Amino acid sequence: MSPDGPQHFPVVKAKLDRMHHEEPTVTVADLAGYPGPALVMVADDDEVRVEHTLALRDGLSQSQLAVVPGTIHGLLADKPDLCNRLIIDFLTEPIEPAGAGGNGHG
């Protein structure tokens, strides 16, 4: 739904197409400097390639990966209760020092 009406859809689609081809510009090397915990969430039938998701996860030293079953790219809308539970669990669990064998994947 758009306040501009259905005739505005081609404009929105063009913007989304450009965004999908040109963004984000964050690289795995950019992520390496982030010192805190991170939750990488992806749908099990996502438009984002698995290799890209794993590269993001690997670029964040204290990250966790959550693959949400039965979802597409709009996973927060597809399974809001499950996504909320994953996010709340992530945000409320104790933070362990890097290298302590806790949240980090590697």
PDB file of N, CA and C in Angstrom:
ATOM      1  N   MET A   1       0.842  -1.175   0.000  1.00  0.00           N
ATOM      2  CA  MET A   1       0.000   0.000   0.000  1.00  0.00           C
ATOM      3  C   MET A   1       0.890   1.242   0.000  1.00  0.00           C
ATOM      4  N   SER A   2       0.542   2.142  -0.833  1.00  0.00           N
ATOM      5  CA  SER A   2       1.283   3.389  -0.903  1.00  0.00           C
ATOM      6  C   SER A   2       0.295   4.544  -0.963  1.00  0.00           C
ATOM      7  N   PRO A   3       0.592   5.619  -0.255  1.00  0.00           N
ATOM      8  CA  PRO A   3      -0.298   6.780  -0.363  1.00  0.00           C
ATOM      9  C   PRO A   3      -0.283   7.371  -1.770  1.00  0.00           C
ATOM     10  N   ASP A   4       0.725   6.988  -2.570  1.00  0.00           N
ATOM     11  CA  ASP A   4       0.813   7.494  -3.939  1.00  0.00           C
ATOM     12  C   ASP A   4       0.018   6.657  -4.927  1.00  0.00           C
ATOM     13  N   GLY A   5      -0.593   5.564  -4.451  1.00  0.00           N
ATOM     14  CA  GLY A   5      -1.418   4.723  -5.308  1.00  0.00           C
ATOM     15  C   GLY A   5      -0.617   3.688  -6.080  1.00  0.00           C
ATOM     16  N   PRO A   6      -1.315   2.751  -6.714  1.00  0.00           N
ATOM     17  CA  PRO A   6      -0.656   1.650  -7.418  1.00  0.00           C
ATOM     18  C   PRO A   6       0.179   2.101  -8.621  1.00  0.00           C
ATOM     19  N   GLN A   7      -0.131   3.248  -9.182  1.00  0.00           N
ATOM     20  CA  GLN A   7       0.638   3.742 -10.324  1.00  0.00           C
ATOM     21  C   GLN A   7       2.068   4.108  -9.922  1.00  0.00           C
ATOM     22  N   HIS A   8       2.320   4.232  -8.608  1.00  0.00           N
ATOM     23  CA  HIS A   8       3.653   4.570  -8.102  1.00  0.00           C
ATOM     24  C   HIS A   8       4.556   3.331  -7.992  1.00  0.00           C
ATOM     25  N   PHE A   9       3.983   2.140  -8.155  1.00  0.00           N
ATOM     26  CA  PHE A   9       4.754   0.904  -7.986  1.00  0.00           C
ATOM     27  C   PHE A   9       6.002   0.842  -8.866  1.00  0.00           C
ATOM     28  N   PRO A  10       5.965   1.225 -10.136  1.00  0.00           N
ATOM     29  CA  PRO A  10       7.194   1.168 -10.944  1.00  0.00           C
ATOM     30  C   PRO A  10       8.346   1.986 -10.358  1.00  0.00           C
ATOM     31  N   VAL A  11       8.035   3.092  -9.726  1.00  0.00           N
ATOM     32  CA  VAL A  11       9.071   3.919  -9.097  1.00  0.00           C
ATOM     33  C   VAL A  11       9.676   3.166  -7.910  1.00  0.00           C
ATOM     34  N   VAL A  12       8.818   2.576  -7.088  1.00  0.00           N
ATOM     35  CA  VAL A  12       9.290   1.809  -5.929  1.00  0.00           C
ATOM     36  C   VAL A  12      10.113   0.618  -6.394  1.00  0.00           C
ATOM     37  N   LYS A  13       9.644  -0.090  -7.405  1.00  0.00           N
ATOM     38  CA  LYS A  13      10.369  -1.256  -7.914  1.00  0.00           C
ATOM     39  C   LYS A  13      11.737  -0.856  -8.447  1.00  0.00           C
ATOM     40  N   ALA A  14      11.818   0.228  -9.156  1.00  0.00           N
ATOM     41  CA  ALA A  14      13.104   0.694  -9.685  1.00  0.00           C
ATOM     42  C   ALA A  14      14.079   1.016  -8.550  1.00  0.00           C
ATOM     43  N   LYS A  15      13.576   1.639  -7.484  1.00  0.00           N
ATOM     44  CA  LYS A  15      14.428   1.949  -6.333  1.00  0.00           C
ATOM     45  C   LYS A  15      14.900   0.672  -5.643  1.00  0.00           C
ATOM     46  N   LEU A  16      14.015  -0.299  -5.494  1.00  0.00           N
ATOM     47  CA  LEU A  16      14.397  -1.568  -4.873  1.00  0.00           C
ATOM     48  C   LEU A  16      15.401  -2.321  -5.742  1.00  0.00           C
ATOM     49  N   ASP A  17      15.191  -2.334  -7.047  1.00  0.00           N
ATOM     50  CA  ASP A  17      16.141  -2.995  -7.953  1.00  0.00           C
ATOM     51  C   ASP A  17      17.523  -2.366  -7.842  1.00  0.00           C
ATOM     52  N   ARG A  18      17.583  -1.035  -7.825  1.00  0.00           N
ATOM     53  CA  ARG A  18      18.869  -0.354  -7.684  1.00  0.00           C
ATOM     54  C   ARG A  18      19.526  -0.713  -6.351  1.00  0.00           C
ATOM     55  N   MET A  19      18.738  -0.700  -5.287  1.00  0.00           N
ATOM     56  CA  MET A  19      19.264  -1.017  -3.964  1.00  0.00           C
ATOM     57  C   MET A  19      19.822  -2.442  -3.929  1.00  0.00           C
ATOM     58  N   HIS A  20      19.103  -3.399  -4.497  1.00  0.00           N
ATOM     59  CA  HIS A  20      19.556  -4.782  -4.500  1.00  0.00           C
ATOM     60  C   HIS A  20      20.858  -4.955  -5.283  1.00  0.00           C
ATOM     61  N   HIS A  21      21.073  -4.145  -6.281  1.00  0.00           N
ATOM     62  CA  HIS A  21      22.283  -4.270  -7.096  1.00  0.00           C
ATOM     63  C   HIS A  21      23.468  -3.459  -6.581  1.00  0.00           C
ATOM     64  N   GLU A  22      23.198  -2.382  -5.837  1.00  0.00           N
ATOM     65  CA  GLU A  22      24.275  -1.474  -5.439  1.00  0.00           C
ATOM     66  C   GLU A  22      24.536  -1.421  -3.938  1.00  0.00           C
ATOM     67  N   GLU A  23      23.678  -1.964  -3.124  1.00  0.00           N
ATOM     68  CA  GLU A  23      23.821  -1.860  -1.673  1.00  0.00           C
ATOM     69  C   GLU A  23      23.694  -3.239  -1.041  1.00  0.00           C
ATOM     70  N   PRO A  24      24.067  -3.410   0.174  1.00  0.00           N
ATOM     71  CA  PRO A  24      24.835  -2.462   0.971  1.00  0.00           C
ATOM     72  C   PRO A  24      26.293  -2.455   0.522  1.00  0.00           C
ATOM     73  N   THR A  25      26.983  -1.425   0.882  1.00  0.00           N
ATOM     74  CA  THR A  25      28.387  -1.309   0.497  1.00  0.00           C
ATOM     75  C   THR A  25      29.324  -1.720   1.632  1.00  0.00           C
ATOM     76  N   VAL A  26      28.781  -2.264   2.685  1.00  0.00           N
ATOM     77  CA  VAL A  26      29.586  -2.753   3.801  1.00  0.00           C
ATOM     78  C   VAL A  26      30.271  -4.048   3.373  1.00  0.00           C
ATOM     79  N   THR A  27      31.566  -4.129   3.631  1.00  0.00           N
ATOM     80  CA  THR A  27      32.323  -5.333   3.279  1.00  0.00           C
ATOM     81  C   THR A  27      32.589  -6.166   4.524  1.00  0.00           C
ATOM     82  N   VAL A  28      33.001  -7.403   4.325  1.00  0.00           N
ATOM     83  CA  VAL A  28      33.374  -8.263   5.442  1.00  0.00           C
ATOM     84  C   VAL A  28      34.521  -7.625   6.218  1.00  0.00           C
ATOM     85  N   ALA A  29      35.451  -6.984   5.523  1.00  0.00           N
ATOM     86  CA  ALA A  29      36.564  -6.297   6.193  1.00  0.00           C
ATOM     87  C   ALA A  29      36.044  -5.174   7.086  1.00  0.00           C
ATOM     88  N   ASP A  30      34.998  -4.485   6.656  1.00  0.00           N
ATOM     89  CA  ASP A  30      34.399  -3.437   7.484  1.00  0.00           C
ATOM     90  C   ASP A  30      33.848  -4.019   8.786  1.00  0.00           C
ATOM     91  N   LEU A  31      33.288  -5.204   8.701  1.00  0.00           N
ATOM     92  CA  LEU A  31      32.691  -5.831   9.870  1.00  0.00           C
ATOM     93  C   LEU A  31      33.726  -6.271  10.891  1.00  0.00           C
ATOM     94  N   ALA A  32      34.916  -6.577  10.436  1.00  0.00           N
ATOM     95  CA  ALA A  32      35.962  -7.102  11.319  1.00  0.00           C
ATOM     96  C   ALA A  32      36.269  -6.159  12.474  1.00  0.00           C
ATOM     97  N   GLY A  33      36.030  -4.883  12.316  1.00  0.00           N
ATOM     98  CA  GLY A  33      36.313  -3.930  13.374  1.00  0.00           C
ATOM     99  C   GLY A  33      35.235  -3.840  14.444  1.00  0.00           C
ATOM    100  N   TYR A  34      34.105  -4.503  14.232  1.00  0.00           N
ATOM    101  CA  TYR A  34      33.021  -4.436  15.216  1.00  0.00           C
ATOM    102  C   TYR A  34      33.352  -5.357  16.379  1.00  0.00           C
ATOM    103  N   PRO A  35      33.473  -4.812  17.596  1.00  0.00           N
ATOM    104  CA  PRO A  35      33.956  -5.612  18.721  1.00  0.00           C
ATOM    105  C   PRO A  35      32.883  -6.362  19.514  1.00  0.00           C
ATOM    106  N   GLY A  36      31.626  -6.086  19.267  1.00  0.00           N
ATOM    107  CA  GLY A  36      30.586  -6.655  20.124  1.00  0.00           C
ATOM    108  C   GLY A  36      29.868  -7.842  19.522  1.00  0.00           C
ATOM    109  N   PRO A  37      28.942  -8.396  20.301  1.00  0.00           N
ATOM    110  CA  PRO A  37      28.138  -9.515  19.809  1.00  0.00           C
ATOM    111  C   PRO A  37      27.184  -9.070  18.708  1.00  0.00           C
ATOM    112  N   ALA A  38      26.870  -9.997  17.825  1.00  0.00           N
ATOM    113  CA  ALA A  38      25.958  -9.701  16.718  1.00  0.00           C
ATOM    114  C   ALA A  38      25.109 -10.929  16.427  1.00  0.00           C
ATOM    115  N   LEU A  39      23.889 -10.691  16.023  1.00  0.00           N
ATOM    116  CA  LEU A  39      22.991 -11.758  15.605  1.00  0.00           C
ATOM    117  C   LEU A  39      22.736 -11.589  14.114  1.00  0.00           C
ATOM    118  N   VAL A  40      23.108 -12.581  13.339  1.00  0.00           N
ATOM    119  CA  VAL A  40      22.864 -12.590  11.896  1.00  0.00           C
ATOM    120  C   VAL A  40      21.651 -13.485  11.677  1.00  0.00           C
ATOM    121  N   MET A  41      20.573 -12.895  11.185  1.00  0.00           N
ATOM    122  CA  MET A  41      19.353 -13.664  10.940  1.00  0.00           C
ATOM    123  C   MET A  41      19.089 -13.744   9.446  1.00  0.00           C
ATOM    124  N   VAL A  42      18.643 -14.912   9.017  1.00  0.00           N
ATOM    125  CA  VAL A  42      18.358 -15.138   7.610  1.00  0.00           C
ATOM    126  C   VAL A  42      17.191 -16.117   7.504  1.00  0.00           C
ATOM    127  N   ALA A  43      16.440 -15.996   6.430  1.00  0.00           N
ATOM    128  CA  ALA A  43      15.347 -16.936   6.176  1.00  0.00           C
ATOM    129  C   ALA A  43      15.899 -18.198   5.540  1.00  0.00           C
ATOM    130  N   ASP A  44      15.199 -19.303   5.731  1.00  0.00           N
ATOM    131  CA  ASP A  44      15.693 -20.543   5.119  1.00  0.00           C
ATOM    132  C   ASP A  44      15.435 -20.592   3.613  1.00  0.00           C
ATOM    133  N   ASP A  45      14.605 -19.686   3.102  1.00  0.00           N
ATOM    134  CA  ASP A  45      14.374 -19.579   1.659  1.00  0.00           C
ATOM    135  C   ASP A  45      14.571 -18.120   1.260  1.00  0.00           C
ATOM    136  N   ASP A  46      15.723 -17.579   1.642  1.00  0.00           N
ATOM    137  CA  ASP A  46      16.000 -16.154   1.473  1.00  0.00           C
ATOM    138  C   ASP A  46      16.544 -15.856   0.088  1.00  0.00           C
ATOM    139  N   GLU A  47      16.407 -14.599  -0.322  1.00  0.00           N
ATOM    140  CA  GLU A  47      17.020 -14.154  -1.580  1.00  0.00           C
ATOM    141  C   GLU A  47      18.507 -13.895  -1.390  1.00  0.00           C
ATOM    142  N   VAL A  48      18.933 -13.766  -0.141  1.00  0.00           N
ATOM    143  CA  VAL A  48      20.351 -13.565   0.166  1.00  0.00           C
ATOM    144  C   VAL A  48      21.053 -14.918   0.063  1.00  0.00           C
ATOM    145  N   ARG A  49      22.159 -14.941  -0.672  1.00  0.00           N
ATOM    146  CA  ARG A  49      22.888 -16.198  -0.870  1.00  0.00           C
ATOM    147  C   ARG A  49      23.480 -16.690   0.450  1.00  0.00           C
ATOM    148  N   VAL A  50      23.489 -17.992   0.642  1.00  0.00           N
ATOM    149  CA  VAL A  50      24.041 -18.606   1.848  1.00  0.00           C
ATOM    150  C   VAL A  50      25.498 -18.189   2.034  1.00  0.00           C
ATOM    151  N   GLU A  51      26.253 -18.132   0.957  1.00  0.00           N
ATOM    152  CA  GLU A  51      27.663 -17.741   1.038  1.00  0.00           C
ATOM    153  C   GLU A  51      27.817 -16.331   1.612  1.00  0.00           C
ATOM    154  N   HIS A  52      26.926 -15.445   1.220  1.00  0.00           N
ATOM    155  CA  HIS A  52      26.960 -14.072   1.726  1.00  0.00           C
ATOM    156  C   HIS A  52      26.648 -14.045   3.222  1.00  0.00           C
ATOM    157  N   THR A  53      25.636 -14.788   3.622  1.00  0.00           N
ATOM    158  CA  THR A  53      25.253 -14.849   5.030  1.00  0.00           C
ATOM    159  C   THR A  53      26.399 -15.390   5.879  1.00  0.00           C
ATOM    160  N   LEU A  54      27.034 -16.451   5.409  1.00  0.00           N
ATOM    161  CA  LEU A  54      28.145 -17.038   6.164  1.00  0.00           C
ATOM    162  C   LEU A  54      29.337 -16.091   6.212  1.00  0.00           C
ATOM    163  N   ALA A  55      29.566 -15.348   5.144  1.00  0.00           N
ATOM    164  CA  ALA A  55      30.655 -14.369   5.143  1.00  0.00           C
ATOM    165  C   ALA A  55      30.389 -13.275   6.172  1.00  0.00           C
ATOM    166  N   LEU A  56      29.143 -12.817   6.263  1.00  0.00           N
ATOM    167  CA  LEU A  56      28.792 -11.828   7.281  1.00  0.00           C
ATOM    168  C   LEU A  56      29.028 -12.396   8.671  1.00  0.00           C
ATOM    169  N   ARG A  57      28.533 -13.608   8.888  1.00  0.00           N
ATOM    170  CA  ARG A  57      28.708 -14.250  10.186  1.00  0.00           C
ATOM    171  C   ARG A  57      30.190 -14.401  10.512  1.00  0.00           C
ATOM    172  N   ASP A  58      30.978 -14.847   9.559  1.00  0.00           N
ATOM    173  CA  ASP A  58      32.410 -15.057   9.784  1.00  0.00           C
ATOM    174  C   ASP A  58      33.163 -13.747   9.983  1.00  0.00           C
ATOM    175  N   GLY A  59      32.637 -12.662   9.429  1.00  0.00           N
ATOM    176  CA  GLY A  59      33.287 -11.365   9.578  1.00  0.00           C
ATOM    177  C   GLY A  59      33.064 -10.721  10.940  1.00  0.00           C
ATOM    178  N   LEU A  60      32.135 -11.250  11.687  1.00  0.00           N
ATOM    179  CA  LEU A  60      31.815 -10.734  13.020  1.00  0.00           C
ATOM    180  C   LEU A  60      32.283 -11.762  14.048  1.00  0.00           C
ATOM    181  N   SER A  61      33.321 -11.419  14.793  1.00  0.00           N
ATOM    182  CA  SER A  61      33.970 -12.413  15.652  1.00  0.00           C
ATOM    183  C   SER A  61      33.084 -12.959  16.766  1.00  0.00           C
ATOM    184  N   GLN A  62      32.092 -12.199  17.190  1.00  0.00           N
ATOM    185  CA  GLN A  62      31.217 -12.661  18.274  1.00  0.00           C
ATOM    186  C   GLN A  62      29.779 -12.805  17.778  1.00  0.00           C
ATOM    187  N   SER A  63      29.615 -13.467  16.658  1.00  0.00           N
ATOM    188  CA  SER A  63      28.283 -13.530  16.077  1.00  0.00           C
ATOM    189  C   SER A  63      27.621 -14.885  16.279  1.00  0.00           C
ATOM    190  N   GLN A  64      26.321 -14.841  16.162  1.00  0.00           N
ATOM    191  CA  GLN A  64      25.500 -16.039  16.141  1.00  0.00           C
ATOM    192  C   GLN A  64      24.685 -15.996  14.858  1.00  0.00           C
ATOM    193  N   LEU A  65      24.430 -17.162  14.304  1.00  0.00           N
ATOM    194  CA  LEU A  65      23.634 -17.265  13.087  1.00  0.00           C
ATOM    195  C   LEU A  65      22.305 -17.923  13.418  1.00  0.00           C
ATOM    196  N   ALA A  66      21.220 -17.288  13.011  1.00  0.00           N
ATOM    197  CA  ALA A  66      19.886 -17.849  13.180  1.00  0.00           C
ATOM    198  C   ALA A  66      19.252 -17.986  11.804  1.00  0.00           C
ATOM    199  N   VAL A  67      18.982 -19.227  11.405  1.00  0.00           N
ATOM    200  CA  VAL A  67      18.264 -19.501  10.166  1.00  0.00           C
ATOM    201  C   VAL A  67      16.822 -19.799  10.563  1.00  0.00           C
ATOM    202  N   VAL A  68      15.918 -18.930  10.147  1.00  0.00           N
ATOM    203  CA  VAL A  68      14.531 -19.033  10.577  1.00  0.00           C
ATOM    204  C   VAL A  68      13.769 -19.914   9.586  1.00  0.00           C
ATOM    205  N   PRO A  69      13.288 -21.070  10.052  1.00  0.00           N
ATOM    206  CA  PRO A  69      12.622 -22.013   9.148  1.00  0.00           C
ATOM    207  C   PRO A  69      11.263 -21.507   8.662  1.00  0.00           C
ATOM    208  N   GLY A  70      10.925 -21.923   7.449  1.00  0.00           N
ATOM    209  CA  GLY A  70       9.608 -21.600   6.904  1.00  0.00           C
ATOM    210  C   GLY A  70       9.414 -20.136   6.568  1.00  0.00           C
ATOM    211  N   THR A  71      10.516 -19.436   6.221  1.00  0.00           N
ATOM    212  CA  THR A  71      10.410 -18.012   5.936  1.00  0.00           C
ATOM    213  C   THR A  71      11.116 -17.660   4.632  1.00  0.00           C
ATOM    214  N   ILE A  72      10.758 -16.486   4.112  1.00  0.00           N
ATOM    215  CA  ILE A  72      11.445 -15.909   2.970  1.00  0.00           C
ATOM    216  C   ILE A  72      12.133 -14.639   3.468  1.00  0.00           C
ATOM    217  N   HIS A  73      12.523 -13.736   2.591  1.00  0.00           N
ATOM    218  CA  HIS A  73      13.290 -12.564   2.983  1.00  0.00           C
ATOM    219  C   HIS A  73      12.569 -11.702   4.026  1.00  0.00           C
ATOM    220  N   GLY A  74      11.264 -11.740   4.047  1.00  0.00           N
ATOM    221  CA  GLY A  74      10.498 -10.981   5.043  1.00  0.00           C
ATOM    222  C   GLY A  74      10.266 -11.791   6.308  1.00  0.00           C
ATOM    223  N   LEU A  75      11.315 -12.411   6.813  1.00  0.00           N
ATOM    224  CA  LEU A  75      11.190 -13.341   7.932  1.00  0.00           C
ATOM    225  C   LEU A  75      10.556 -12.730   9.176  1.00  0.00           C
ATOM    226  N   LEU A  76      10.781 -11.450   9.429  1.00  0.00           N
ATOM    227  CA  LEU A  76      10.174 -10.827  10.608  1.00  0.00           C
ATOM    228  C   LEU A  76       8.655 -10.762  10.486  1.00  0.00           C
ATOM    229  N   ALA A  77       8.151 -10.626   9.278  1.00  0.00           N
ATOM    230  CA  ALA A  77       6.707 -10.626   9.054  1.00  0.00           C
ATOM    231  C   ALA A  77       6.170 -12.052   8.943  1.00  0.00           C
ATOM    232  N   ASP A  78       6.988 -12.966   8.395  1.00  0.00           N
ATOM    233  CA  ASP A  78       6.563 -14.359   8.221  1.00  0.00           C
ATOM    234  C   ASP A  78       6.383 -15.075   9.551  1.00  0.00           C
ATOM    235  N   LYS A  79       7.353 -14.902  10.445  1.00  0.00           N
ATOM    236  CA  LYS A  79       7.332 -15.602  11.738  1.00  0.00           C
ATOM    237  C   LYS A  79       7.721 -14.619  12.851  1.00  0.00           C
ATOM    238  N   PRO A  80       6.860 -13.641  13.129  1.00  0.00           N
ATOM    239  CA  PRO A  80       7.233 -12.608  14.103  1.00  0.00           C
ATOM    240  C   PRO A  80       7.495 -13.155  15.502  1.00  0.00           C
ATOM    241  N   ASP A  81       6.701 -14.105  15.964  1.00  0.00           N
ATOM    242  CA  ASP A  81       6.894 -14.627  17.316  1.00  0.00           C
ATOM    243  C   ASP A  81       8.237 -15.329  17.461  1.00  0.00           C
ATOM    244  N   LEU A  82       8.578 -16.150  16.484  1.00  0.00           N
ATOM    245  CA  LEU A  82       9.858 -16.860  16.528  1.00  0.00           C
ATOM    246  C   LEU A  82      11.022 -15.874  16.426  1.00  0.00           C
ATOM    247  N   CYS A  83      10.926 -14.925  15.510  1.00  0.00           N
ATOM    248  CA  CYS A  83      11.992 -13.931  15.363  1.00  0.00           C
ATOM    249  C   CYS A  83      12.150 -13.101  16.634  1.00  0.00           C
ATOM    250  N   ASN A  84      11.036 -12.679  17.219  1.00  0.00           N
ATOM    251  CA  ASN A  84      11.100 -11.912  18.462  1.00  0.00           C
ATOM    252  C   ASN A  84      11.771 -12.720  19.565  1.00  0.00           C
ATOM    253  N   ARG A  85      11.446 -14.015  19.654  1.00  0.00           N
ATOM    254  CA  ARG A  85      12.047 -14.870  20.686  1.00  0.00           C
ATOM    255  C   ARG A  85      13.556 -14.967  20.476  1.00  0.00           C
ATOM    256  N   LEU A  86      13.976 -15.164  19.232  1.00  0.00           N
ATOM    257  CA  LEU A  86      15.413 -15.247  18.925  1.00  0.00           C
ATOM    258  C   LEU A  86      16.129 -13.949  19.289  1.00  0.00           C
ATOM    259  N   ILE A  87      15.523 -12.835  18.939  1.00  0.00           N
ATOM    260  CA  ILE A  87      16.134 -11.533  19.214  1.00  0.00           C
ATOM    261  C   ILE A  87      16.183 -11.265  20.717  1.00  0.00           C
ATOM    262  N   ILE A  88      15.093 -11.527  21.404  1.00  0.00           N
ATOM    263  CA  ILE A  88      15.062 -11.314  22.857  1.00  0.00           C
ATOM    264  C   ILE A  88      16.084 -12.198  23.558  1.00  0.00           C
ATOM    265  N   ASP A  89      16.151 -13.465  23.162  1.00  0.00           N
ATOM    266  CA  ASP A  89      17.147 -14.370  23.750  1.00  0.00           C
ATOM    267  C   ASP A  89      18.559 -13.840  23.523  1.00  0.00           C
ATOM    268  N   PHE A  90      18.825 -13.383  22.316  1.00  0.00           N
ATOM    269  CA  PHE A  90      20.149 -12.845  21.995  1.00  0.00           C
ATOM    270  C   PHE A  90      20.462 -11.614  22.844  1.00  0.00           C
ATOM    271  N   LEU A  91      19.505 -10.711  22.957  1.00  0.00           N
ATOM    272  CA  LEU A  91      19.732  -9.453  23.670  1.00  0.00           C
ATOM    273  C   LEU A  91      19.821  -9.618  25.187  1.00  0.00           C
ATOM    274  N   THR A  92      19.236 -10.678  25.708  1.00  0.00           N
ATOM    275  CA  THR A  92      19.199 -10.838  27.162  1.00  0.00           C
ATOM    276  C   THR A  92      20.168 -11.878  27.695  1.00  0.00           C
ATOM    277  N   GLU A  93      20.875 -12.576  26.836  1.00  0.00           N
ATOM    278  CA  GLU A  93      21.819 -13.572  27.358  1.00  0.00           C
ATOM    279  C   GLU A  93      23.085 -12.874  27.842  1.00  0.00           C
ATOM    280  N   PRO A  94      23.739 -13.468  28.817  1.00  0.00           N
ATOM    281  CA  PRO A  94      24.974 -12.852  29.328  1.00  0.00           C
ATOM    282  C   PRO A  94      26.037 -12.760  28.231  1.00  0.00           C
ATOM    283  N   ILE A  95      26.783 -11.688  28.265  1.00  0.00           N
ATOM    284  CA  ILE A  95      27.865 -11.494  27.302  1.00  0.00           C
ATOM    285  C   ILE A  95      29.141 -12.061  27.896  1.00  0.00           C
ATOM    286  N   GLU A  96      29.753 -12.987  27.171  1.00  0.00           N
ATOM    287  CA  GLU A  96      31.026 -13.565  27.599  1.00  0.00           C
ATOM    288  C   GLU A  96      32.157 -12.872  26.861  1.00  0.00           C
ATOM    289  N   PRO A  97      33.330 -12.801  27.493  1.00  0.00           N
ATOM    290  CA  PRO A  97      34.471 -12.187  26.805  1.00  0.00           C
ATOM    291  C   PRO A  97      34.802 -12.955  25.524  1.00  0.00           C
ATOM    292  N   ALA A  98      35.311 -12.230  24.536  1.00  0.00           N
ATOM    293  CA  ALA A  98      35.711 -12.874  23.274  1.00  0.00           C
ATOM    294  C   ALA A  98      36.710 -13.978  23.573  1.00  0.00           C
ATOM    295  N   GLY A  99      36.549 -15.102  22.891  1.00  0.00           N
ATOM    296  CA  GLY A  99      37.463 -16.222  23.065  1.00  0.00           C
ATOM    297  C   GLY A  99      37.126 -17.106  24.254  1.00  0.00           C
ATOM    298  N   ALA A 100      36.027 -16.811  24.969  1.00  0.00           N
ATOM    299  CA  ALA A 100      35.672 -17.601  26.143  1.00  0.00           C
ATOM    300  C   ALA A 100      34.859 -18.839  25.785  1.00  0.00           C
ATOM    301  N   GLY A 101      34.621 -19.060  24.482  1.00  0.00           N
ATOM    302  CA  GLY A 101      33.900 -20.256  24.068  1.00  0.00           C
ATOM    303  C   GLY A 101      32.394 -20.128  24.169  1.00  0.00           C
ATOM    304  N   GLY A 102      31.895 -18.944  24.367  1.00  0.00           N
ATOM    305  CA  GLY A 102      30.461 -18.752  24.534  1.00  0.00           C
ATOM    306  C   GLY A 102      29.764 -18.486  23.236  1.00  0.00           C
ATOM    307  N   ASN A 103      29.445 -17.212  22.986  1.00  0.00           N
ATOM    308  CA  ASN A 103      28.631 -16.835  21.836  1.00  0.00           C
ATOM    309  C   ASN A 103      29.366 -16.893  20.508  1.00  0.00           C
ATOM    310  N   GLY A 104      30.661 -16.723  20.539  1.00  0.00           N
ATOM    311  CA  GLY A 104      31.396 -16.661  19.283  1.00  0.00           C
ATOM    312  C   GLY A 104      31.331 -17.964  18.523  1.00  0.00           C
ATOM    313  N   HIS A 105      31.403 -17.868  17.228  1.00  0.00           N
ATOM    314  CA  HIS A 105      31.310 -19.069  16.408  1.00  0.00           C
ATOM    315  C   HIS A 105      32.680 -19.633  16.117  1.00  0.00           C
ATOM    316  N   GLY A 106      33.699 -18.878  16.421  1.00  0.00           N
ATOM    317  CA  GLY A 106      34.924 -19.363  15.920  1.00  0.00           C
ATOM    318  C   GLY A 106      36.149 -19.246  16.650  1.00  0.00           C
TER     319      GLY A 106
END
